[in-house]
Amino acid sequence: MTVNKKQSSKQLASQAAKTIQSKNASQIQKTLAASVLSQSSSSKQTGADMETIASNVLKSTKYSDETKNFAASVLSQANKERTSKK
């Protein structure tokens, strides 16, 4: 398995932690925030399902900039070998 050398920034991880605790955040936003947070201090790599979710968020116009930032971070830590085969 490929090792992920990228990590979410401390600033984005802090924002993600606040989002997870927010009563106003959507489920998709919390899901992406959780993924960002899990990648903030580890070499965990984005799974295929999360890649799809994040990709769909970025393609849509209905999500906020914050949600799209989480999605972009998640995708930046995706398995390059897997995403290049799509």
C-alpha atoms as a PDB file:
ATOM      1  CA  MET A   1       0.000   0.000   0.000  1.00  0.00           C
ATOM      2  CA  THR A   2       1.194   3.481  -0.848  1.00  0.00           C
ATOM      3  CA  VAL A   3       2.174   5.700   2.071  1.00  0.00           C
ATOM      4  CA  ASN A   4       0.552   9.118   2.189  1.00  0.00           C
ATOM      5  CA  LYS A   5       3.070  11.833   3.042  1.00  0.00           C
ATOM      6  CA  LYS A   6       0.517  14.644   2.959  1.00  0.00           C
ATOM      7  CA  GLN A   7      -1.393  15.803   6.010  1.00  0.00           C
ATOM      8  CA  SER A   8      -4.235  18.233   6.531  1.00  0.00           C
ATOM      9  CA  SER A   9      -3.036  21.625   7.771  1.00  0.00           C
ATOM     10  CA  LYS A  10      -3.480  22.528  11.436  1.00  0.00           C
ATOM     11  CA  GLN A  11      -5.750  25.409  10.423  1.00  0.00           C
ATOM     12  CA  LEU A  12      -8.015  23.176   8.335  1.00  0.00           C
ATOM     13  CA  ALA A  13      -8.007  20.497  11.043  1.00  0.00           C
ATOM     14  CA  SER A  14      -9.102  23.099  13.601  1.00  0.00           C
ATOM     15  CA  GLN A  15     -11.893  24.237  11.292  1.00  0.00           C
ATOM     16  CA  ALA A  16     -12.902  20.594  10.772  1.00  0.00           C
ATOM     17  CA  ALA A  17     -13.078  19.980  14.527  1.00  0.00           C
ATOM     18  CA  LYS A  18     -15.394  22.974  14.959  1.00  0.00           C
ATOM     19  CA  THR A  19     -17.569  21.777  12.075  1.00  0.00           C
ATOM     20  CA  ILE A  20     -17.971  18.318  13.592  1.00  0.00           C
ATOM     21  CA  GLN A  21     -19.239  19.909  16.819  1.00  0.00           C
ATOM     22  CA  SER A  22     -21.561  22.337  15.044  1.00  0.00           C
ATOM     23  CA  LYS A  23     -25.302  21.729  15.172  1.00  0.00           C
ATOM     24  CA  ASN A  24     -25.695  23.678  11.924  1.00  0.00           C
ATOM     25  CA  ALA A  25     -23.293  21.630   9.791  1.00  0.00           C
ATOM     26  CA  SER A  26     -24.741  19.185   7.275  1.00  0.00           C
ATOM     27  CA  GLN A  27     -24.022  15.477   7.440  1.00  0.00           C
ATOM     28  CA  ILE A  28     -21.869  15.633   4.307  1.00  0.00           C
ATOM     29  CA  GLN A  29     -19.886  18.522   5.772  1.00  0.00           C
ATOM     30  CA  LYS A  30     -19.327  16.584   9.001  1.00  0.00           C
ATOM     31  CA  THR A  31     -18.296  13.474   7.052  1.00  0.00           C
ATOM     32  CA  LEU A  32     -15.695  15.389   5.060  1.00  0.00           C
ATOM     33  CA  ALA A  33     -14.535  17.234   8.182  1.00  0.00           C
ATOM     34  CA  ALA A  34     -14.022  13.907   9.964  1.00  0.00           C
ATOM     35  CA  SER A  35     -11.903  12.674   7.075  1.00  0.00           C
ATOM     36  CA  VAL A  36      -9.832  15.869   7.131  1.00  0.00           C
ATOM     37  CA  LEU A  37      -9.346  15.508  10.874  1.00  0.00           C
ATOM     38  CA  SER A  38      -8.297  11.870  10.613  1.00  0.00           C
ATOM     39  CA  GLN A  39      -5.648  12.878   8.072  1.00  0.00           C
ATOM     40  CA  SER A  40      -4.270  15.766  10.105  1.00  0.00           C
ATOM     41  CA  SER A  41      -1.760  13.793  12.140  1.00  0.00           C
ATOM     42  CA  SER A  42      -1.390  10.487  10.369  1.00  0.00           C
ATOM     43  CA  SER A  43      -0.428   8.956   7.065  1.00  0.00           C
ATOM     44  CA  LYS A  44      -3.969   7.730   6.434  1.00  0.00           C
ATOM     45  CA  GLN A  45      -5.053   7.848   2.828  1.00  0.00           C
ATOM     46  CA  THR A  46      -8.490   8.745   1.498  1.00  0.00           C
ATOM     47  CA  GLY A  47     -10.621   5.697   0.732  1.00  0.00           C
ATOM     48  CA  ALA A  48     -12.366   5.147  -2.592  1.00  0.00           C
ATOM     49  CA  ASP A  49     -15.819   5.970  -1.183  1.00  0.00           C
ATOM     50  CA  MET A  50     -14.619   9.264   0.283  1.00  0.00           C
ATOM     51  CA  GLU A  51     -12.897  10.119  -3.000  1.00  0.00           C
ATOM     52  CA  THR A  52     -16.241   9.776  -4.764  1.00  0.00           C
ATOM     53  CA  ILE A  53     -18.078  11.872  -2.172  1.00  0.00           C
ATOM     54  CA  ALA A  54     -15.437  14.607  -2.258  1.00  0.00           C
ATOM     55  CA  SER A  55     -15.384  14.630  -6.046  1.00  0.00           C
ATOM     56  CA  ASN A  56     -19.166  14.984  -6.218  1.00  0.00           C
ATOM     57  CA  VAL A  57     -19.081  17.860  -3.720  1.00  0.00           C
ATOM     58  CA  LEU A  58     -16.511  19.730  -5.798  1.00  0.00           C
ATOM     59  CA  LYS A  59     -18.572  19.265  -8.968  1.00  0.00           C
ATOM     60  CA  SER A  60     -21.762  20.569  -7.356  1.00  0.00           C
ATOM     61  CA  THR A  61     -22.851  24.184  -6.953  1.00  0.00           C
ATOM     62  CA  LYS A  62     -24.975  23.541  -3.860  1.00  0.00           C
ATOM     63  CA  TYR A  63     -22.147  23.209  -1.316  1.00  0.00           C
ATOM     64  CA  SER A  64     -20.457  25.987   0.656  1.00  0.00           C
ATOM     65  CA  ASP A  65     -16.849  27.044   0.203  1.00  0.00           C
ATOM     66  CA  GLU A  66     -16.004  25.463   3.553  1.00  0.00           C
ATOM     67  CA  THR A  67     -17.439  22.107   2.465  1.00  0.00           C
ATOM     68  CA  LYS A  68     -15.547  22.343  -0.820  1.00  0.00           C
ATOM     69  CA  ASN A  69     -12.318  23.131   1.058  1.00  0.00           C
ATOM     70  CA  PHE A  70     -12.760  19.943   3.081  1.00  0.00           C
ATOM     71  CA  ALA A  71     -13.479  17.992  -0.102  1.00  0.00           C
ATOM     72  CA  ALA A  72     -10.384  19.388  -1.812  1.00  0.00           C
ATOM     73  CA  SER A  73      -8.205  18.441   1.136  1.00  0.00           C
ATOM     74  CA  VAL A  74      -9.634  14.923   1.171  1.00  0.00           C
ATOM     75  CA  LEU A  75      -9.000  14.523  -2.561  1.00  0.00           C
ATOM     76  CA  SER A  76      -5.463  15.859  -2.290  1.00  0.00           C
ATOM     77  CA  GLN A  77      -4.693  12.878  -0.072  1.00  0.00           C
ATOM     78  CA  ALA A  78      -6.282  10.327  -2.375  1.00  0.00           C
ATOM     79  CA  ASN A  79      -4.511   7.291  -3.784  1.00  0.00           C
ATOM     80  CA  LYS A  80      -2.982   8.678  -6.984  1.00  0.00           C
ATOM     81  CA  GLU A  81      -2.732   5.216  -8.541  1.00  0.00           C
ATOM     82  CA  ARG A  82      -6.427   4.587  -7.983  1.00  0.00           C
ATOM     83  CA  THR A  83      -7.634   8.010  -9.136  1.00  0.00           C
ATOM     84  CA  SER A  84      -5.570   7.916 -12.309  1.00  0.00           C
ATOM     85  CA  LYS A  85      -7.358   4.718 -13.380  1.00  0.00           C
ATOM     86  CA  LYS A  86     -10.808   6.342 -13.267  1.00  0.00           C
END
